[in-house]
Amino acid sequence: MDTAVSYAAGILIILGMILFLLGAIGILRFPDFFTRMHAAGKCDTLGALLVVTGIALYNGFAIGSLKIIFIAVFIFLTSPTATHSIARAAMKNNLPVWTRDKKR
C-alpha cells in the first residue's frame, strides 16, 4: 500500500510539473496579453493543485498534510480570482486584443 501511495504522489507531482511547463511554453508562444494570461492562469492553478496534493499524499496522514491541503484550497480560490482581476484591469485600460490578419 505504501508503494502505491508513493507512486500516486509521484504521478501527481509529475503531472503538475508538466502543466507548469506547458504554462511556461504558453506564456512564451502566445501572441498577446490575454492569451498569455489564460495559459498562465489555467496551467498555474491546476499545476499547483496537483503538486501540492501530491506532496500531501506523499506526506501521509498527518497535521502537515492538512496544512498542505489548506494551501491547495487557498491557491485554488485565489489564483483564478487574481487572473480575472488582472485581465479585467487590462480590458479597462484598453489593452489591444490580438486578432488574426485578414490578408490570407
Protein backbone atom coordinates (compact mmCIF):
# COMPACT_ATOMS: atom_id res chain seq x y z
CA MET A 1 0.00 0.00 0.00
CA ASP A 2 2.80 2.39 0.86
CA THR A 3 4.41 1.88 -2.55
CA ALA A 4 1.13 2.56 -4.35
CA VAL A 5 0.64 5.82 -2.45
CA SER A 6 4.20 6.87 -3.27
CA TYR A 7 3.64 6.13 -6.95
CA ALA A 8 0.34 8.05 -6.95
CA ALA A 9 2.03 11.02 -5.25
CA GLY A 10 4.85 10.90 -7.78
CA ILE A 11 2.41 10.81 -10.69
CA LEU A 12 0.51 13.82 -9.32
CA ILE A 13 3.72 15.78 -8.86
CA ILE A 14 4.97 14.90 -12.35
CA LEU A 15 1.63 15.86 -13.93
CA GLY A 16 1.72 19.17 -12.06
CA MET A 17 5.24 19.88 -13.28
CA ILE A 18 4.19 19.08 -16.85
CA LEU A 19 1.36 21.59 -16.53
CA PHE A 20 3.79 24.20 -15.21
CA LEU A 21 6.00 23.55 -18.25
CA LEU A 22 3.04 23.84 -20.64
CA GLY A 23 2.03 27.11 -18.99
CA ALA A 24 5.54 28.49 -19.39
CA ILE A 25 5.56 27.49 -23.06
CA GLY A 26 2.16 29.14 -23.49
CA ILE A 27 3.45 32.37 -21.94
CA LEU A 28 6.35 32.38 -24.38
CA ARG A 29 4.42 31.37 -27.51
CA PHE A 30 1.04 33.09 -27.33
CA PRO A 31 0.71 36.41 -29.16
CA ASP A 32 -0.97 38.80 -26.72
CA PHE A 33 -1.51 39.54 -23.07
CA PHE A 34 -4.91 37.90 -22.72
CA THR A 35 -3.98 34.55 -24.23
CA ARG A 36 -0.83 34.54 -22.10
CA MET A 37 -2.93 35.24 -19.01
CA HIS A 38 -5.18 32.32 -19.95
CA ALA A 39 -2.22 29.96 -20.24
CA ALA A 40 -0.71 31.19 -17.00
CA GLY A 41 -3.95 31.11 -15.05
CA LYS A 42 -5.19 27.68 -16.07
CA CYS A 43 -1.89 25.80 -16.02
CA ASP A 44 -0.64 27.52 -12.90
CA THR A 45 -3.75 26.77 -10.88
CA LEU A 46 -4.09 23.14 -11.86
CA GLY A 47 -0.33 22.52 -11.77
CA ALA A 48 -0.01 23.93 -8.27
CA LEU A 49 -3.06 21.98 -7.14
CA LEU A 50 -1.61 18.71 -8.45
CA VAL A 51 1.86 19.30 -7.00
CA VAL A 52 0.59 20.32 -3.58
CA THR A 53 -1.88 17.42 -3.49
CA GLY A 54 0.92 15.02 -4.44
CA ILE A 55 3.09 16.39 -1.65
CA ALA A 56 0.25 15.99 0.86
CA LEU A 57 -0.36 12.44 -0.33
CA TYR A 58 3.32 11.60 -0.04
CA ASN A 59 3.45 13.11 3.46
CA GLY A 60 0.77 10.72 4.67
CA PHE A 61 -1.95 11.24 7.24
CA ALA A 62 -0.51 13.97 9.48
CA ILE A 63 -1.21 17.53 10.57
CA GLY A 64 1.28 18.71 7.95
CA SER A 65 -0.87 17.17 5.21
CA LEU A 66 -3.90 19.05 6.47
CA LYS A 67 -1.94 22.30 6.29
CA ILE A 68 -0.82 21.46 2.76
CA ILE A 69 -4.42 20.77 1.72
CA PHE A 70 -5.42 24.18 3.11
CA ILE A 71 -2.68 25.74 0.98
CA ALA A 72 -4.06 23.90 -2.08
CA VAL A 73 -7.57 25.21 -1.40
CA PHE A 74 -6.19 28.73 -0.94
CA ILE A 75 -4.33 28.54 -4.28
CA PHE A 76 -7.41 27.07 -5.97
CA LEU A 77 -9.54 30.01 -4.81
CA THR A 78 -7.12 32.92 -5.19
CA SER A 79 -5.28 32.19 -8.44
CA PRO A 80 -8.30 32.40 -10.78
CA THR A 81 -9.52 35.47 -8.91
CA ALA A 82 -6.17 37.21 -9.35
CA THR A 83 -6.01 36.24 -13.03
CA HIS A 84 -9.50 37.60 -13.61
CA SER A 85 -8.68 40.86 -11.80
CA ILE A 86 -5.53 41.42 -13.85
CA ALA A 87 -7.34 40.67 -17.13
CA ARG A 88 -10.20 42.99 -16.17
CA ALA A 89 -7.75 45.79 -15.38
CA ALA A 90 -6.13 45.26 -18.78
CA MET A 91 -9.53 45.47 -20.50
CA LYS A 92 -10.42 48.66 -18.64
CA ASN A 93 -7.10 50.20 -19.75
CA ASN A 94 -7.88 49.32 -23.39
CA LEU A 95 -5.02 46.91 -23.89
CA PRO A 96 -5.18 45.77 -27.53
CA VAL A 97 -6.51 42.29 -28.25
CA TRP A 98 -4.73 40.15 -30.83
CA THR A 99 -6.69 39.33 -33.97
CA ARG A 100 -5.69 37.20 -36.94
CA ASP A 101 -4.60 39.13 -40.05
CA LYS A 102 -7.26 39.19 -42.75
CA LYS A 103 -4.61 39.03 -45.54
CA ARG A 104 -4.63 35.33 -46.45
